[in-house]
């Protein structure tokens, strides 16, 4: 999982058989003082990229419901939608994607796979 400083998203690169990338639109990730707990408010908007390169947005209906029920300020809703649109564009896999979504995640997944019990290092 990647929790970038100052950004309104987190991204998880998934091993098979999961999606290749799962990006949560959320408040800026904040670590507690000891660096052991990560806190975010998840806005339900998710960008998912499958292994075949197709990407889509999940849970727009939940985001719309929660905008009303939790009374998101208009600037929060706008920032969440802007972040979702950016994430969707960044997740493109047609050669124009943006790191860390384009390809660098494969390196990190490779390291994890090498350390799994029974893996070939």
C-alpha atoms as a PDB file:
ATOM      1  CA  UNK A   1       0.000   0.000   0.000  1.00  0.00           C
ATOM      2  CA  UNK A   2       1.207   3.464  -0.895  1.00  0.00           C
ATOM      3  CA  UNK A   3       0.101   6.374   1.320  1.00  0.00           C
ATOM      4  CA  UNK A   4       1.553   9.510  -0.282  1.00  0.00           C
ATOM      5  CA  UNK A   5       2.169  12.674   1.699  1.00  0.00           C
ATOM      6  CA  UNK A   6      -0.264  15.476   1.014  1.00  0.00           C
ATOM      7  CA  UNK A   7      -2.447  13.569  -1.461  1.00  0.00           C
ATOM      8  CA  UNK A   8      -6.097  12.558  -1.208  1.00  0.00           C
ATOM      9  CA  UNK A   9      -5.595   8.888  -2.089  1.00  0.00           C
ATOM     10  CA  UNK A  10      -3.941   5.626  -1.175  1.00  0.00           C
ATOM     11  CA  UNK A  11      -3.054   2.895  -3.647  1.00  0.00           C
ATOM     12  CA  UNK A  12      -2.697  -0.809  -3.185  1.00  0.00           C
ATOM     13  CA  UNK A  13      -0.943  -3.034  -5.715  1.00  0.00           C
ATOM     14  CA  UNK A  14      -2.418  -6.487  -5.563  1.00  0.00           C
ATOM     15  CA  UNK A  15      -0.938  -9.884  -6.289  1.00  0.00           C
ATOM     16  CA  UNK A  16      -2.831 -12.352  -8.461  1.00  0.00           C
ATOM     17  CA  UNK A  17      -5.711 -13.067  -8.576  1.00  0.00           C
ATOM     18  CA  UNK A  18      -6.764  -9.590  -7.408  1.00  0.00           C
ATOM     19  CA  UNK A  19      -6.928  -6.449  -9.481  1.00  0.00           C
ATOM     20  CA  UNK A  20      -3.583  -4.985 -10.486  1.00  0.00           C
ATOM     21  CA  UNK A  21      -4.206  -1.725  -8.633  1.00  0.00           C
ATOM     22  CA  UNK A  22      -6.818  -0.422  -6.220  1.00  0.00           C
ATOM     23  CA  UNK A  23      -6.848   3.298  -5.433  1.00  0.00           C
ATOM     24  CA  UNK A  24      -8.962   4.668  -2.572  1.00  0.00           C
ATOM     25  CA  UNK A  25     -10.005   8.316  -2.659  1.00  0.00           C
ATOM     26  CA  UNK A  26      -9.675   9.561   0.923  1.00  0.00           C
ATOM     27  CA  UNK A  27      -8.458  12.394   3.084  1.00  0.00           C
ATOM     28  CA  UNK A  28      -4.718  12.991   3.257  1.00  0.00           C
ATOM     29  CA  UNK A  29      -3.212   9.948   5.031  1.00  0.00           C
ATOM     30  CA  UNK A  30      -1.884  10.758   8.500  1.00  0.00           C
ATOM     31  CA  UNK A  31       0.345   8.571  10.659  1.00  0.00           C
ATOM     32  CA  UNK A  32       0.076   8.640  14.440  1.00  0.00           C
ATOM     33  CA  UNK A  33       3.071   9.892  16.477  1.00  0.00           C
ATOM     34  CA  UNK A  34       4.690   6.451  16.690  1.00  0.00           C
ATOM     35  CA  UNK A  35       4.180   5.749  12.980  1.00  0.00           C
ATOM     36  CA  UNK A  36       2.185   2.591  13.650  1.00  0.00           C
ATOM     37  CA  UNK A  37      -1.355   3.664  12.711  1.00  0.00           C
ATOM     38  CA  UNK A  38      -2.454   5.255   9.457  1.00  0.00           C
ATOM     39  CA  UNK A  39      -5.660   7.264   9.522  1.00  0.00           C
ATOM     40  CA  UNK A  40      -7.796   8.359   6.575  1.00  0.00           C
ATOM     41  CA  UNK A  41     -11.438   9.113   5.904  1.00  0.00           C
ATOM     42  CA  UNK A  42     -12.457   6.964   2.938  1.00  0.00           C
ATOM     43  CA  UNK A  43     -14.865   8.689   0.540  1.00  0.00           C
ATOM     44  CA  UNK A  44     -15.934   5.379  -1.069  1.00  0.00           C
ATOM     45  CA  UNK A  45     -14.761   6.418  -4.548  1.00  0.00           C
ATOM     46  CA  UNK A  46     -12.305   3.800  -5.766  1.00  0.00           C
ATOM     47  CA  UNK A  47     -10.376   3.434  -9.002  1.00  0.00           C
ATOM     48  CA  UNK A  48      -9.695  -0.181  -9.882  1.00  0.00           C
ATOM     49  CA  UNK A  49      -7.435  -1.395 -12.685  1.00  0.00           C
ATOM     50  CA  UNK A  50      -7.734  -4.992 -13.732  1.00  0.00           C
ATOM     51  CA  UNK A  51      -4.841  -7.086 -15.013  1.00  0.00           C
ATOM     52  CA  UNK A  52      -6.029  -6.654 -18.594  1.00  0.00           C
ATOM     53  CA  UNK A  53      -5.535  -2.883 -18.242  1.00  0.00           C
ATOM     54  CA  UNK A  54      -9.215  -1.952 -18.004  1.00  0.00           C
ATOM     55  CA  UNK A  55      -9.945   0.589 -15.277  1.00  0.00           C
ATOM     56  CA  UNK A  56     -13.207   1.664 -13.709  1.00  0.00           C
ATOM     57  CA  UNK A  57     -14.610   3.684 -10.806  1.00  0.00           C
ATOM     58  CA  UNK A  58     -16.372   1.839  -7.982  1.00  0.00           C
ATOM     59  CA  UNK A  59     -18.964   3.020  -5.503  1.00  0.00           C
ATOM     60  CA  UNK A  60     -19.982   6.346  -7.034  1.00  0.00           C
ATOM     61  CA  UNK A  61     -23.479   5.630  -5.702  1.00  0.00           C
ATOM     62  CA  UNK A  62     -22.183   5.292  -2.127  1.00  0.00           C
ATOM     63  CA  UNK A  63     -20.215   8.525  -2.494  1.00  0.00           C
ATOM     64  CA  UNK A  64     -23.364  10.331  -3.669  1.00  0.00           C
ATOM     65  CA  UNK A  65     -25.374   8.958  -0.721  1.00  0.00           C
ATOM     66  CA  UNK A  66     -22.687   9.871   1.807  1.00  0.00           C
ATOM     67  CA  UNK A  67     -22.318  13.383   0.414  1.00  0.00           C
ATOM     68  CA  UNK A  68     -25.880  13.958   1.596  1.00  0.00           C
ATOM     69  CA  UNK A  69     -26.008  11.858   4.769  1.00  0.00           C
ATOM     70  CA  UNK A  70     -22.641  13.081   6.113  1.00  0.00           C
ATOM     71  CA  UNK A  71     -23.072  16.608   4.731  1.00  0.00           C
ATOM     72  CA  UNK A  72     -19.717  16.851   3.014  1.00  0.00           C
ATOM     73  CA  UNK A  73     -18.768  20.478   2.435  1.00  0.00           C
ATOM     74  CA  UNK A  74     -18.832  21.317  -1.288  1.00  0.00           C
ATOM     75  CA  UNK A  75     -15.044  21.758  -1.370  1.00  0.00           C
ATOM     76  CA  UNK A  76     -14.558  18.232   0.048  1.00  0.00           C
ATOM     77  CA  UNK A  77     -16.861  16.703  -2.563  1.00  0.00           C
ATOM     78  CA  UNK A  78     -15.102  18.656  -5.314  1.00  0.00           C
ATOM     79  CA  UNK A  79     -11.651  17.567  -4.112  1.00  0.00           C
ATOM     80  CA  UNK A  80     -12.757  13.920  -3.887  1.00  0.00           C
ATOM     81  CA  UNK A  81     -14.160  13.996  -7.429  1.00  0.00           C
ATOM     82  CA  UNK A  82     -11.049  15.781  -8.741  1.00  0.00           C
ATOM     83  CA  UNK A  83      -8.822  13.157  -7.090  1.00  0.00           C
ATOM     84  CA  UNK A  84     -10.943  10.346  -8.524  1.00  0.00           C
ATOM     85  CA  UNK A  85     -10.675  11.797 -12.040  1.00  0.00           C
ATOM     86  CA  UNK A  86      -6.903  12.224 -11.655  1.00  0.00           C
ATOM     87  CA  UNK A  87      -6.538   8.654 -10.364  1.00  0.00           C
ATOM     88  CA  UNK A  88      -8.551   7.280 -13.263  1.00  0.00           C
ATOM     89  CA  UNK A  89      -6.346   9.123 -15.760  1.00  0.00           C
ATOM     90  CA  UNK A  90      -3.144   8.140 -13.926  1.00  0.00           C
ATOM     91  CA  UNK A  91      -4.181   4.479 -13.936  1.00  0.00           C
ATOM     92  CA  UNK A  92      -4.299   4.279 -17.731  1.00  0.00           C
ATOM     93  CA  UNK A  93      -2.121   1.492 -19.014  1.00  0.00           C
ATOM     94  CA  UNK A  94      -1.842   2.479 -22.650  1.00  0.00           C
ATOM     95  CA  UNK A  95       1.673   3.850 -22.241  1.00  0.00           C
ATOM     96  CA  UNK A  96       0.583   7.207 -20.899  1.00  0.00           C
ATOM     97  CA  UNK A  97      -0.010   6.176 -17.278  1.00  0.00           C
ATOM     98  CA  UNK A  98       1.535   8.043 -14.374  1.00  0.00           C
ATOM     99  CA  UNK A  99       3.797   6.475 -11.771  1.00  0.00           C
ATOM    100  CA  UNK A 100       3.383   4.892  -9.332  1.00  0.00           C
ATOM    101  CA  UNK A 101       0.443   3.412 -11.259  1.00  0.00           C
ATOM    102  CA  UNK A 102       2.101   2.816 -14.630  1.00  0.00           C
ATOM    103  CA  UNK A 103       4.681   0.128 -13.845  1.00  0.00           C
ATOM    104  CA  UNK A 104       6.850   0.752 -10.768  1.00  0.00           C
ATOM    105  CA  UNK A 105       4.443  -1.183  -8.541  1.00  0.00           C
ATOM    106  CA  UNK A 106       5.492  -4.390 -10.297  1.00  0.00           C
ATOM    107  CA  UNK A 107       8.994  -4.032  -8.864  1.00  0.00           C
ATOM    108  CA  UNK A 108       7.652  -3.841  -5.298  1.00  0.00           C
ATOM    109  CA  UNK A 109       5.273  -6.749  -5.831  1.00  0.00           C
ATOM    110  CA  UNK A 110       8.238  -8.743  -7.120  1.00  0.00           C
ATOM    111  CA  UNK A 111      10.093  -8.138  -3.858  1.00  0.00           C
ATOM    112  CA  UNK A 112       7.116  -9.311  -1.833  1.00  0.00           C
ATOM    113  CA  UNK A 113       6.754 -12.431  -3.947  1.00  0.00           C
ATOM    114  CA  UNK A 114      10.448 -13.264  -3.434  1.00  0.00           C
ATOM    115  CA  UNK A 115      10.086 -13.226   0.345  1.00  0.00           C
ATOM    116  CA  UNK A 116       7.016 -15.437   0.556  1.00  0.00           C
ATOM    117  CA  UNK A 117       7.620 -18.896   2.036  1.00  0.00           C
ATOM    118  CA  UNK A 118       8.256 -21.395  -0.714  1.00  0.00           C
ATOM    119  CA  UNK A 119       9.067 -18.728  -3.287  1.00  0.00           C
ATOM    120  CA  UNK A 120      12.125 -18.863  -5.477  1.00  0.00           C
ATOM    121  CA  UNK A 121      14.497 -16.029  -4.675  1.00  0.00           C
END
